PDB file of N, CA and C in Angstrom:
ATOM      1  N   UNK A   1       0.878  -1.302  -0.268  1.00  0.00           N
ATOM      2  CA  UNK A   1      -0.040  -0.053  -0.144  1.00  0.00           C
ATOM      3  C   UNK A   1       0.942   1.455  -0.159  1.00  0.00           C
ATOM      4  N   UNK A   2       0.653   2.106   0.751  1.00  0.00           N
ATOM      5  CA  UNK A   2       1.403   3.811  -0.063  1.00  0.00           C
ATOM      6  C   UNK A   2       2.191   3.397   0.559  1.00  0.00           C
ATOM      7  N   UNK A   3       3.747   3.450   0.589  1.00  0.00           N
ATOM      8  CA  UNK A   3       4.748   3.967   0.868  1.00  0.00           C
ATOM      9  C   UNK A   3       5.029   2.185   0.986  1.00  0.00           C
ATOM     10  N   UNK A   4       4.659   1.725   0.205  1.00  0.00           N
ATOM     11  CA  UNK A   4       5.918   0.879  -0.742  1.00  0.00           C
ATOM     12  C   UNK A   4       6.240  -0.022  -1.935  1.00  0.00           C
ATOM     13  N   UNK A   5       7.018  -0.754  -2.028  1.00  0.00           N
ATOM     14  CA  UNK A   5       7.172  -0.849  -3.281  1.00  0.00           C
ATOM     15  C   UNK A   5       6.652  -0.381  -4.367  1.00  0.00           C
ATOM     16  N   UNK A   6       5.202  -1.565  -4.168  1.00  0.00           N
ATOM     17  CA  UNK A   6       4.275  -1.670  -5.211  1.00  0.00           C
ATOM     18  C   UNK A   6       3.561  -1.279  -5.212  1.00  0.00           C
ATOM     19  N   UNK A   7       3.477   0.006  -4.542  1.00  0.00           N
ATOM     20  CA  UNK A   7       2.556   1.470  -4.635  1.00  0.00           C
ATOM     21  C   UNK A   7       2.647   2.234  -5.206  1.00  0.00           C
ATOM     22  N   UNK A   8       1.918   2.886  -6.733  1.00  0.00           N
ATOM     23  CA  UNK A   8       1.707   3.663  -7.241  1.00  0.00           C
ATOM     24  C   UNK A   8       2.364   5.747  -6.515  1.00  0.00           C
ATOM     25  N   UNK A   9       3.151   5.953  -7.673  1.00  0.00           N
ATOM     26  CA  UNK A   9       3.684   7.438  -8.265  1.00  0.00           C
ATOM     27  C   UNK A   9       1.939   8.068  -7.698  1.00  0.00           C
ATOM     28  N   UNK A  10       2.333   9.139  -6.561  1.00  0.00           N
ATOM     29  CA  UNK A  10       1.406   9.900  -6.486  1.00  0.00           C
ATOM     30  C   UNK A  10       0.724  10.124  -8.012  1.00  0.00           C
ATOM     31  N   UNK A  11       0.021  10.858  -8.135  1.00  0.00           N
ATOM     32  CA  UNK A  11      -0.675  10.990  -9.873  1.00  0.00           C
ATOM     33  C   UNK A  11      -1.716  12.608  -9.224  1.00  0.00           C
ATOM     34  N   UNK A  12      -1.451  13.373 -10.540  1.00  0.00           N
ATOM     35  CA  UNK A  12      -1.128  14.587 -10.019  1.00  0.00           C
ATOM     36  C   UNK A  12      -2.112  15.809 -11.289  1.00  0.00           C
ATOM     37  N   UNK A  13      -2.928  14.398 -12.166  1.00  0.00           N
ATOM     38  CA  UNK A  13      -3.615  14.215 -14.058  1.00  0.00           C
ATOM     39  C   UNK A  13      -3.479  14.926 -14.527  1.00  0.00           C
ATOM     40  N   UNK A  14      -1.706  14.148 -15.020  1.00  0.00           N
ATOM     41  CA  UNK A  14      -1.886  14.537 -16.204  1.00  0.00           C
ATOM     42  C   UNK A  14      -1.753  13.497 -17.257  1.00  0.00           C
ATOM     43  N   UNK A  15      -2.345  13.912 -18.223  1.00  0.00           N
ATOM     44  CA  UNK A  15      -3.223  12.580 -19.360  1.00  0.00           C
ATOM     45  C   UNK A  15      -1.958  11.360 -19.966  1.00  0.00           C
ATOM     46  N   UNK A  16      -0.578  12.181 -19.711  1.00  0.00           N
ATOM     47  CA  UNK A  16       0.402  11.109 -20.170  1.00  0.00           C
ATOM     48  C   UNK A  16       0.927   9.722 -19.188  1.00  0.00           C
ATOM     49  N   UNK A  17       0.362  10.364 -18.051  1.00  0.00           N
ATOM     50  CA  UNK A  17      -0.048   9.510 -17.141  1.00  0.00           C
ATOM     51  C   UNK A  17      -0.314   8.311 -16.788  1.00  0.00           C
ATOM     52  N   UNK A  18      -1.646   8.665 -16.881  1.00  0.00           N
ATOM     53  CA  UNK A  18      -2.768   8.436 -16.456  1.00  0.00           C
ATOM     54  C   UNK A  18      -2.376   6.841 -16.693  1.00  0.00           C
ATOM     55  N   UNK A  19      -2.602   6.073 -17.636  1.00  0.00           N
ATOM     56  CA  UNK A  19      -2.963   4.827 -18.383  1.00  0.00           C
ATOM     57  C   UNK A  19      -1.459   3.568 -16.947  1.00  0.00           C
ATOM     58  N   UNK A  20      -0.480   4.724 -16.971  1.00  0.00           N
ATOM     59  CA  UNK A  20       0.126   4.322 -15.686  1.00  0.00           C
ATOM     60  C   UNK A  20      -0.137   4.209 -14.966  1.00  0.00           C
ATOM     61  N   UNK A  21      -0.092   4.720 -14.191  1.00  0.00           N
ATOM     62  CA  UNK A  21      -1.085   5.028 -12.984  1.00  0.00           C
ATOM     63  C   UNK A  21      -2.101   4.513 -12.511  1.00  0.00           C
ATOM     64  N   UNK A  22      -3.013   3.614 -13.560  1.00  0.00           N
ATOM     65  CA  UNK A  22      -4.093   2.522 -13.757  1.00  0.00           C
ATOM     66  C   UNK A  22      -4.093   2.099 -12.955  1.00  0.00           C
ATOM     67  N   UNK A  23      -2.800   1.491 -14.166  1.00  0.00           N
ATOM     68  CA  UNK A  23      -2.589   0.443 -13.874  1.00  0.00           C
ATOM     69  C   UNK A  23      -1.365  -0.432 -13.146  1.00  0.00           C
ATOM     70  N   UNK A  24      -1.141   0.990 -12.217  1.00  0.00           N
ATOM     71  CA  UNK A  24      -0.060  -0.003 -11.596  1.00  0.00           C
ATOM     72  C   UNK A  24      -0.723   0.431 -10.341  1.00  0.00           C
ATOM     73  N   UNK A  25      -1.391   1.319 -10.229  1.00  0.00           N
ATOM     74  CA  UNK A  25      -2.584   1.081  -8.553  1.00  0.00           C
ATOM     75  C   UNK A  25      -3.258  -0.303  -9.132  1.00  0.00           C
ATOM     76  N   UNK A  26      -3.639  -1.079  -9.973  1.00  0.00           N
ATOM     77  CA  UNK A  26      -4.322  -2.272  -9.722  1.00  0.00           C
ATOM     78  C   UNK A  26      -3.707  -2.905  -9.826  1.00  0.00           C
ATOM     79  N   UNK A  27      -2.505  -2.704  -9.932  1.00  0.00           N
ATOM     80  CA  UNK A  27      -1.333  -4.422 -10.042  1.00  0.00           C
ATOM     81  C   UNK A  27      -1.071  -4.046  -8.941  1.00  0.00           C
ATOM     82  N   UNK A  28      -1.443  -3.110  -7.197  1.00  0.00           N
ATOM     83  CA  UNK A  28      -1.880  -2.878  -5.527  1.00  0.00           C
ATOM     84  C   UNK A  28      -2.121  -3.639  -5.420  1.00  0.00           C
ATOM     85  N   UNK A  29      -3.360  -3.152  -5.837  1.00  0.00           N
ATOM     86  CA  UNK A  29      -4.573  -3.667  -6.047  1.00  0.00           C
ATOM     87  C   UNK A  29      -4.695  -4.730  -5.480  1.00  0.00           C
ATOM     88  N   UNK A  30      -4.635  -5.675  -6.389  1.00  0.00           N
ATOM     89  CA  UNK A  30      -5.354  -7.002  -6.835  1.00  0.00           C
ATOM     90  C   UNK A  30      -3.324  -7.984  -5.433  1.00  0.00           C
ATOM     91  N   UNK A  31      -2.375  -6.678  -5.564  1.00  0.00           N
ATOM     92  CA  UNK A  31      -1.467  -8.087  -4.448  1.00  0.00           C
ATOM     93  C   UNK A  31      -2.482  -7.808  -2.845  1.00  0.00           C
ATOM     94  N   UNK A  32      -3.124  -7.484  -3.161  1.00  0.00           N
ATOM     95  CA  UNK A  32      -3.975  -6.265  -1.685  1.00  0.00           C
ATOM     96  C   UNK A  32      -4.735  -7.058  -1.747  1.00  0.00           C
ATOM     97  N   UNK A  33      -5.362  -7.951  -3.242  1.00  0.00           N
ATOM     98  CA  UNK A  33      -6.641  -8.699  -3.013  1.00  0.00           C
ATOM     99  C   UNK A  33      -8.448  -7.765  -1.879  1.00  0.00           C
ATOM    100  N   UNK A  34      -7.661  -6.444  -3.117  1.00  0.00           N
ATOM    101  CA  UNK A  34      -9.029  -5.057  -3.053  1.00  0.00           C
ATOM    102  C   UNK A  34     -10.155  -5.508  -3.174  1.00  0.00           C
ATOM    103  N   UNK A  35     -11.245  -5.033  -2.638  1.00  0.00           N
ATOM    104  CA  UNK A  35     -12.631  -5.173  -3.675  1.00  0.00           C
ATOM    105  C   UNK A  35     -12.749  -3.805  -4.706  1.00  0.00           C
ATOM    106  N   UNK A  36     -12.948  -3.329  -5.611  1.00  0.00           N
ATOM    107  CA  UNK A  36     -13.933  -3.046  -6.356  1.00  0.00           C
ATOM    108  C   UNK A  36     -14.804  -1.733  -5.410  1.00  0.00           C
ATOM    109  N   UNK A  37     -15.299  -1.904  -4.363  1.00  0.00           N
ATOM    110  CA  UNK A  37     -15.618  -1.078  -3.742  1.00  0.00           C
ATOM    111  C   UNK A  37     -14.031  -0.727  -3.206  1.00  0.00           C
ATOM    112  N   UNK A  38     -13.353  -1.644  -2.370  1.00  0.00           N
ATOM    113  CA  UNK A  38     -12.620  -0.546  -2.058  1.00  0.00           C
ATOM    114  C   UNK A  38     -11.285   0.324  -2.547  1.00  0.00           C
ATOM    115  N   UNK A  39     -11.279  -0.257  -4.175  1.00  0.00           N
ATOM    116  CA  UNK A  39     -10.555   0.857  -4.816  1.00  0.00           C
ATOM    117  C   UNK A  39     -11.158   2.109  -4.749  1.00  0.00           C
ATOM    118  N   UNK A  40     -12.047   2.347  -5.290  1.00  0.00           N
ATOM    119  CA  UNK A  40     -12.959   3.122  -5.373  1.00  0.00           C
ATOM    120  C   UNK A  40     -12.654   3.915  -4.667  1.00  0.00           C
ATOM    121  N   UNK A  41     -12.860   3.049  -2.646  1.00  0.00           N
ATOM    122  CA  UNK A  41     -11.738   4.212  -1.527  1.00  0.00           C
ATOM    123  C   UNK A  41     -10.364   4.867  -1.487  1.00  0.00           C
ATOM    124  N   UNK A  42      -9.954   4.509  -2.363  1.00  0.00           N
ATOM    125  CA  UNK A  42      -8.185   4.234  -1.885  1.00  0.00           C
ATOM    126  C   UNK A  42      -7.372   4.237  -2.991  1.00  0.00           C
ATOM    127  N   UNK A  43      -8.009   4.928  -4.477  1.00  0.00           N
ATOM    128  CA  UNK A  43      -7.987   5.768  -5.086  1.00  0.00           C
ATOM    129  C   UNK A  43      -6.741   6.718  -4.980  1.00  0.00           C
ATOM    130  N   UNK A  44      -8.077   7.571  -4.204  1.00  0.00           N
ATOM    131  CA  UNK A  44      -7.265   8.788  -4.156  1.00  0.00           C
ATOM    132  C   UNK A  44      -6.175   9.164  -3.118  1.00  0.00           C
ATOM    133  N   UNK A  45      -5.930   8.045  -2.455  1.00  0.00           N
ATOM    134  CA  UNK A  45      -4.680   8.103  -1.746  1.00  0.00           C
ATOM    135  C   UNK A  45      -3.546   7.839  -1.904  1.00  0.00           C
ATOM    136  N   UNK A  46      -3.389   8.295  -3.569  1.00  0.00           N
ATOM    137  CA  UNK A  46      -2.363   8.016  -4.279  1.00  0.00           C
ATOM    138  C   UNK A  46      -2.933   9.205  -5.437  1.00  0.00           C
ATOM    139  N   UNK A  47      -3.418  10.157  -5.240  1.00  0.00           N
ATOM    140  CA  UNK A  47      -3.109  11.518  -5.684  1.00  0.00           C
ATOM    141  C   UNK A  47      -3.366  12.546  -5.611  1.00  0.00           C
ATOM    142  N   UNK A  48      -2.922  13.174  -6.281  1.00  0.00           N
ATOM    143  CA  UNK A  48      -2.586  14.783  -6.144  1.00  0.00           C
ATOM    144  C   UNK A  48      -4.270  16.240  -5.210  1.00  0.00           C
ATOM    145  N   UNK A  49      -4.392  16.375  -4.592  1.00  0.00           N
ATOM    146  CA  UNK A  49      -5.228  16.980  -3.673  1.00  0.00           C
ATOM    147  C   UNK A  49      -6.467  17.971  -5.409  1.00  0.00           C
ATOM    148  N   UNK A  50      -6.454  18.382  -5.833  1.00  0.00           N
ATOM    149  CA  UNK A  50      -7.259  18.381  -7.266  1.00  0.00           C
ATOM    150  C   UNK A  50      -7.448  17.163  -6.653  1.00  0.00           C
ATOM    151  N   UNK A  51      -6.689  16.727  -7.834  1.00  0.00           N
ATOM    152  CA  UNK A  51      -7.425  15.877  -8.589  1.00  0.00           C
ATOM    153  C   UNK A  51      -8.102  14.913  -7.585  1.00  0.00           C
ATOM    154  N   UNK A  52      -8.045  14.190  -6.480  1.00  0.00           N
ATOM    155  CA  UNK A  52      -8.531  13.977  -5.079  1.00  0.00           C
ATOM    156  C   UNK A  52     -10.402  14.457  -5.570  1.00  0.00           C
ATOM    157  N   UNK A  53     -10.407  15.090  -5.722  1.00  0.00           N
ATOM    158  CA  UNK A  53     -11.637  16.919  -5.234  1.00  0.00           C
ATOM    159  C   UNK A  53     -12.380  16.398  -6.441  1.00  0.00           C
ATOM    160  N   UNK A  54     -11.515  15.607  -7.311  1.00  0.00           N
ATOM    161  CA  UNK A  54     -12.725  15.713  -8.935  1.00  0.00           C
ATOM    162  C   UNK A  54     -12.580  14.032  -9.038  1.00  0.00           C
ATOM    163  N   UNK A  55     -11.861  13.166  -8.577  1.00  0.00           N
ATOM    164  CA  UNK A  55     -12.531  12.223  -8.098  1.00  0.00           C
ATOM    165  C   UNK A  55     -13.841  11.868  -7.339  1.00  0.00           C
ATOM    166  N   UNK A  56     -14.046  12.566  -6.596  1.00  0.00           N
ATOM    167  CA  UNK A  56     -15.044  12.576  -5.576  1.00  0.00           C
ATOM    168  C   UNK A  56     -15.262  13.145  -5.226  1.00  0.00           C
ATOM    169  N   UNK A  57     -15.940  13.906  -6.615  1.00  0.00           N
ATOM    170  CA  UNK A  57     -16.745  14.285  -6.663  1.00  0.00           C
ATOM    171  C   UNK A  57     -17.238  13.483  -7.811  1.00  0.00           C
ATOM    172  N   UNK A  58     -17.081  12.875  -8.796  1.00  0.00           N
ATOM    173  CA  UNK A  58     -18.527  11.973  -9.628  1.00  0.00           C
ATOM    174  C   UNK A  58     -18.612  11.017  -9.059  1.00  0.00           C
ATOM    175  N   UNK A  59     -19.979  10.702  -9.909  1.00  0.00           N
ATOM    176  CA  UNK A  59     -21.013   9.867  -9.577  1.00  0.00           C
ATOM    177  C   UNK A  59     -20.794   8.635  -9.239  1.00  0.00           C
ATOM    178  N   UNK A  60     -19.521   7.914  -9.898  1.00  0.00           N
ATOM    179  CA  UNK A  60     -18.775   7.382  -9.744  1.00  0.00           C
ATOM    180  C   UNK A  60     -18.098   6.114  -8.537  1.00  0.00           C
ATOM    181  N   UNK A  61     -17.531   7.062  -8.209  1.00  0.00           N
ATOM    182  CA  UNK A  61     -17.803   6.850  -6.880  1.00  0.00           C
ATOM    183  C   UNK A  61     -17.829   7.072  -5.856  1.00  0.00           C
ATOM    184  N   UNK A  62     -19.252   7.907  -6.015  1.00  0.00           N
ATOM    185  CA  UNK A  62     -19.944   8.227  -5.012  1.00  0.00           C
ATOM    186  C   UNK A  62     -21.034   6.484  -5.404  1.00  0.00           C
ATOM    187  N   UNK A  63     -21.039   5.932  -6.001  1.00  0.00           N
ATOM    188  CA  UNK A  63     -21.523   5.137  -5.892  1.00  0.00           C
ATOM    189  C   UNK A  63     -20.320   3.670  -6.497  1.00  0.00           C
ATOM    190  N   UNK A  64     -19.163   4.078  -5.244  1.00  0.00           N
ATOM    191  CA  UNK A  64     -18.494   2.671  -5.356  1.00  0.00           C
ATOM    192  C   UNK A  64     -18.159   2.149  -7.277  1.00  0.00           C
ATOM    193  N   UNK A  65     -18.356   2.454  -8.463  1.00  0.00           N
ATOM    194  CA  UNK A  65     -18.293   1.282  -9.726  1.00  0.00           C
ATOM    195  C   UNK A  65     -17.313   1.506 -10.201  1.00  0.00           C
ATOM    196  N   UNK A  66     -16.581   0.740  -9.381  1.00  0.00           N
ATOM    197  CA  UNK A  66     -14.666   0.693 -10.310  1.00  0.00           C
ATOM    198  C   UNK A  66     -14.507   0.860 -12.107  1.00  0.00           C
ATOM    199  N   UNK A  67     -15.397   0.560 -12.771  1.00  0.00           N
ATOM    200  CA  UNK A  67     -15.114   0.599 -13.516  1.00  0.00           C
ATOM    201  C   UNK A  67     -15.975   1.746 -14.698  1.00  0.00           C
ATOM    202  N   UNK A  68     -16.678   2.209 -13.796  1.00  0.00           N
ATOM    203  CA  UNK A  68     -17.171   3.772 -14.467  1.00  0.00           C
ATOM    204  C   UNK A  68     -16.115   4.252 -14.739  1.00  0.00           C
ATOM    205  N   UNK A  69     -15.644   4.280 -12.911  1.00  0.00           N
ATOM    206  CA  UNK A  69     -15.279   5.120 -12.066  1.00  0.00           C
ATOM    207  C   UNK A  69     -13.522   5.384 -12.920  1.00  0.00           C
ATOM    208  N   UNK A  70     -13.390   4.090 -12.694  1.00  0.00           N
ATOM    209  CA  UNK A  70     -12.192   3.949 -13.641  1.00  0.00           C
ATOM    210  C   UNK A  70     -11.850   5.270 -15.603  1.00  0.00           C
ATOM    211  N   UNK A  71     -13.052   4.314 -15.737  1.00  0.00           N
ATOM    212  CA  UNK A  71     -13.580   5.148 -17.409  1.00  0.00           C
ATOM    213  C   UNK A  71     -13.112   7.294 -17.703  1.00  0.00           C
ATOM    214  N   UNK A  72     -14.111   7.335 -16.200  1.00  0.00           N
ATOM    215  CA  UNK A  72     -14.224   8.701 -15.997  1.00  0.00           C
ATOM    216  C   UNK A  72     -12.492   9.465 -15.900  1.00  0.00           C
ATOM    217  N   UNK A  73     -11.642   8.577 -15.206  1.00  0.00           N
ATOM    218  CA  UNK A  73      -9.907   9.344 -14.749  1.00  0.00           C
ATOM    219  C   UNK A  73      -9.791   8.941 -16.176  1.00  0.00           C
TER     220      UNK A  73
END
């Protein structure tokens, strides 16, 4: 999780980095057996403040729908 080698670097919203960020986040989530609901809850821990606020505003985040949230990110 946070602070480990498997943890993704902080995502600050760079479109060129979103695919790699999501790939690393999902790999880490799989390693720790996170559910889709937990992924929705935890993904913002690896984001900068502005990105975190944006993600938290998405309906998919509020509904805990990981596939839709991933698409929105």
